[in-house]
Amino acid sequence: MKSYKIKVQLRGGSGYLETVELTEKEVIWFLNKNDINGCWTKLCQSIEDRLGMRIIGHFNLISYFIDDEEFPLH
């Protein structure tokens, strides 16, 4: 299976960057194009449950990686 990660940046002054490796279930939500908002919410909740990192409202999504190749979101 391919490795998927997302890069997020802390909102505010520091601009701290964090790269988060996604689980298999999180990858399914990340790749889902039919329910983007619902799947994004599930993905972020899963990361919060797993790592204690609250993305929504605190971090901006910057890019994603597939097998260490980085892709911009826009």
C-alpha atoms as a PDB file:
ATOM      1  CA  MET A   1       0.000   0.000   0.000  1.00  0.00           C
ATOM      2  CA  LYS A   2       1.133   3.501  -0.742  1.00  0.00           C
ATOM      3  CA  SER A   3       2.089   5.839   2.076  1.00  0.00           C
ATOM      4  CA  TYR A   4      -0.063   8.970   2.463  1.00  0.00           C
ATOM      5  CA  LYS A   5       0.715  12.011   4.612  1.00  0.00           C
ATOM      6  CA  ILE A   6      -0.677  15.501   4.970  1.00  0.00           C
ATOM      7  CA  LYS A   7       1.279  18.646   5.806  1.00  0.00           C
ATOM      8  CA  VAL A   8      -0.467  21.192   8.006  1.00  0.00           C
ATOM      9  CA  GLN A   9       0.591  24.604   9.277  1.00  0.00           C
ATOM     10  CA  LEU A  10      -0.370  26.048  12.645  1.00  0.00           C
ATOM     11  CA  ARG A  11      -2.445  29.194  12.325  1.00  0.00           C
ATOM     12  CA  GLY A  12      -0.960  32.247  13.970  1.00  0.00           C
ATOM     13  CA  GLY A  13       2.484  33.606  14.589  1.00  0.00           C
ATOM     14  CA  SER A  14       4.828  30.635  14.591  1.00  0.00           C
ATOM     15  CA  GLY A  15       3.709  29.015  11.334  1.00  0.00           C
ATOM     16  CA  TYR A  16       4.745  25.632  12.779  1.00  0.00           C
ATOM     17  CA  LEU A  17       4.589  22.846  10.163  1.00  0.00           C
ATOM     18  CA  GLU A  18       3.638  19.261  10.959  1.00  0.00           C
ATOM     19  CA  THR A  19       3.479  16.226   8.688  1.00  0.00           C
ATOM     20  CA  VAL A  20       0.966  13.552   9.701  1.00  0.00           C
ATOM     21  CA  GLU A  21       1.059  10.013   8.332  1.00  0.00           C
ATOM     22  CA  LEU A  22      -2.452   8.748   7.596  1.00  0.00           C
ATOM     23  CA  THR A  23      -3.852   5.359   8.587  1.00  0.00           C
ATOM     24  CA  GLU A  24      -5.577   3.166   5.987  1.00  0.00           C
ATOM     25  CA  LYS A  25      -9.020   4.380   7.118  1.00  0.00           C
ATOM     26  CA  GLU A  26      -7.893   8.023   7.024  1.00  0.00           C
ATOM     27  CA  VAL A  27      -6.595   7.538   3.471  1.00  0.00           C
ATOM     28  CA  ILE A  28     -10.052   6.351   2.393  1.00  0.00           C
ATOM     29  CA  TRP A  29     -11.599   9.520   3.819  1.00  0.00           C
ATOM     30  CA  PHE A  30      -8.855  11.691   2.301  1.00  0.00           C
ATOM     31  CA  LEU A  31      -9.418  10.262  -1.188  1.00  0.00           C
ATOM     32  CA  ASN A  32     -13.236  10.360  -1.062  1.00  0.00           C
ATOM     33  CA  LYS A  33     -14.549  12.942  -3.552  1.00  0.00           C
ATOM     34  CA  ASN A  34     -18.278  12.292  -2.977  1.00  0.00           C
ATOM     35  CA  ASP A  35     -18.530  13.697   0.565  1.00  0.00           C
ATOM     36  CA  ILE A  36     -15.503  15.974   0.874  1.00  0.00           C
ATOM     37  CA  ASN A  37     -16.649  17.948   3.932  1.00  0.00           C
ATOM     38  CA  GLY A  38     -17.987  14.932   5.830  1.00  0.00           C
ATOM     39  CA  CYS A  39     -14.886  12.867   5.140  1.00  0.00           C
ATOM     40  CA  TRP A  40     -12.573  15.761   6.059  1.00  0.00           C
ATOM     41  CA  THR A  41     -14.354  16.045   9.408  1.00  0.00           C
ATOM     42  CA  LYS A  42     -13.987  12.279  10.011  1.00  0.00           C
ATOM     43  CA  LEU A  43     -10.321  12.395   8.996  1.00  0.00           C
ATOM     44  CA  CYS A  44      -9.568  15.288  11.362  1.00  0.00           C
ATOM     45  CA  GLN A  45     -11.471  13.648  14.233  1.00  0.00           C
ATOM     46  CA  SER A  46      -9.536  10.425  13.709  1.00  0.00           C
ATOM     47  CA  ILE A  47      -6.213  12.311  13.830  1.00  0.00           C
ATOM     48  CA  GLU A  48      -7.340  14.119  16.986  1.00  0.00           C
ATOM     49  CA  ASP A  49      -8.377  10.844  18.638  1.00  0.00           C
ATOM     50  CA  ARG A  50      -5.130   9.170  17.631  1.00  0.00           C
ATOM     51  CA  LEU A  51      -2.603  11.978  18.169  1.00  0.00           C
ATOM     52  CA  GLY A  52      -4.394  14.641  20.204  1.00  0.00           C
ATOM     53  CA  MET A  53      -3.898  17.127  17.367  1.00  0.00           C
ATOM     54  CA  ARG A  54      -6.947  19.310  16.635  1.00  0.00           C
ATOM     55  CA  ILE A  55      -6.629  20.338  12.987  1.00  0.00           C
ATOM     56  CA  ILE A  56      -9.974  22.047  12.297  1.00  0.00           C
ATOM     57  CA  GLY A  57      -9.789  25.633  13.505  1.00  0.00           C
ATOM     58  CA  HIS A  58      -6.098  25.406  14.442  1.00  0.00           C
ATOM     59  CA  PHE A  59      -4.164  24.280  11.350  1.00  0.00           C
ATOM     60  CA  ASN A  60      -4.259  25.017   7.627  1.00  0.00           C
ATOM     61  CA  LEU A  61      -3.827  22.146   5.197  1.00  0.00           C
ATOM     62  CA  ILE A  62      -0.782  22.872   3.021  1.00  0.00           C
ATOM     63  CA  SER A  63      -0.081  19.790   0.903  1.00  0.00           C
ATOM     64  CA  TYR A  64      -0.164  16.013   0.810  1.00  0.00           C
ATOM     65  CA  PHE A  65       2.346  13.279   0.075  1.00  0.00           C
ATOM     66  CA  ILE A  66       2.033   9.977  -1.731  1.00  0.00           C
ATOM     67  CA  ASP A  67       5.088   7.796  -1.131  1.00  0.00           C
ATOM     68  CA  ASP A  68       7.121  10.885  -0.125  1.00  0.00           C
ATOM     69  CA  GLU A  69       6.249  12.839  -3.306  1.00  0.00           C
ATOM     70  CA  GLU A  70       4.669  16.145  -2.276  1.00  0.00           C
ATOM     71  CA  PHE A  71       1.650  17.613  -4.058  1.00  0.00           C
ATOM     72  CA  PRO A  72       0.114  21.074  -3.542  1.00  0.00           C
ATOM     73  CA  LEU A  73      -3.585  21.278  -2.763  1.00  0.00           C
ATOM     74  CA  HIS A  74      -4.409  24.120  -5.129  1.00  0.00           C
END
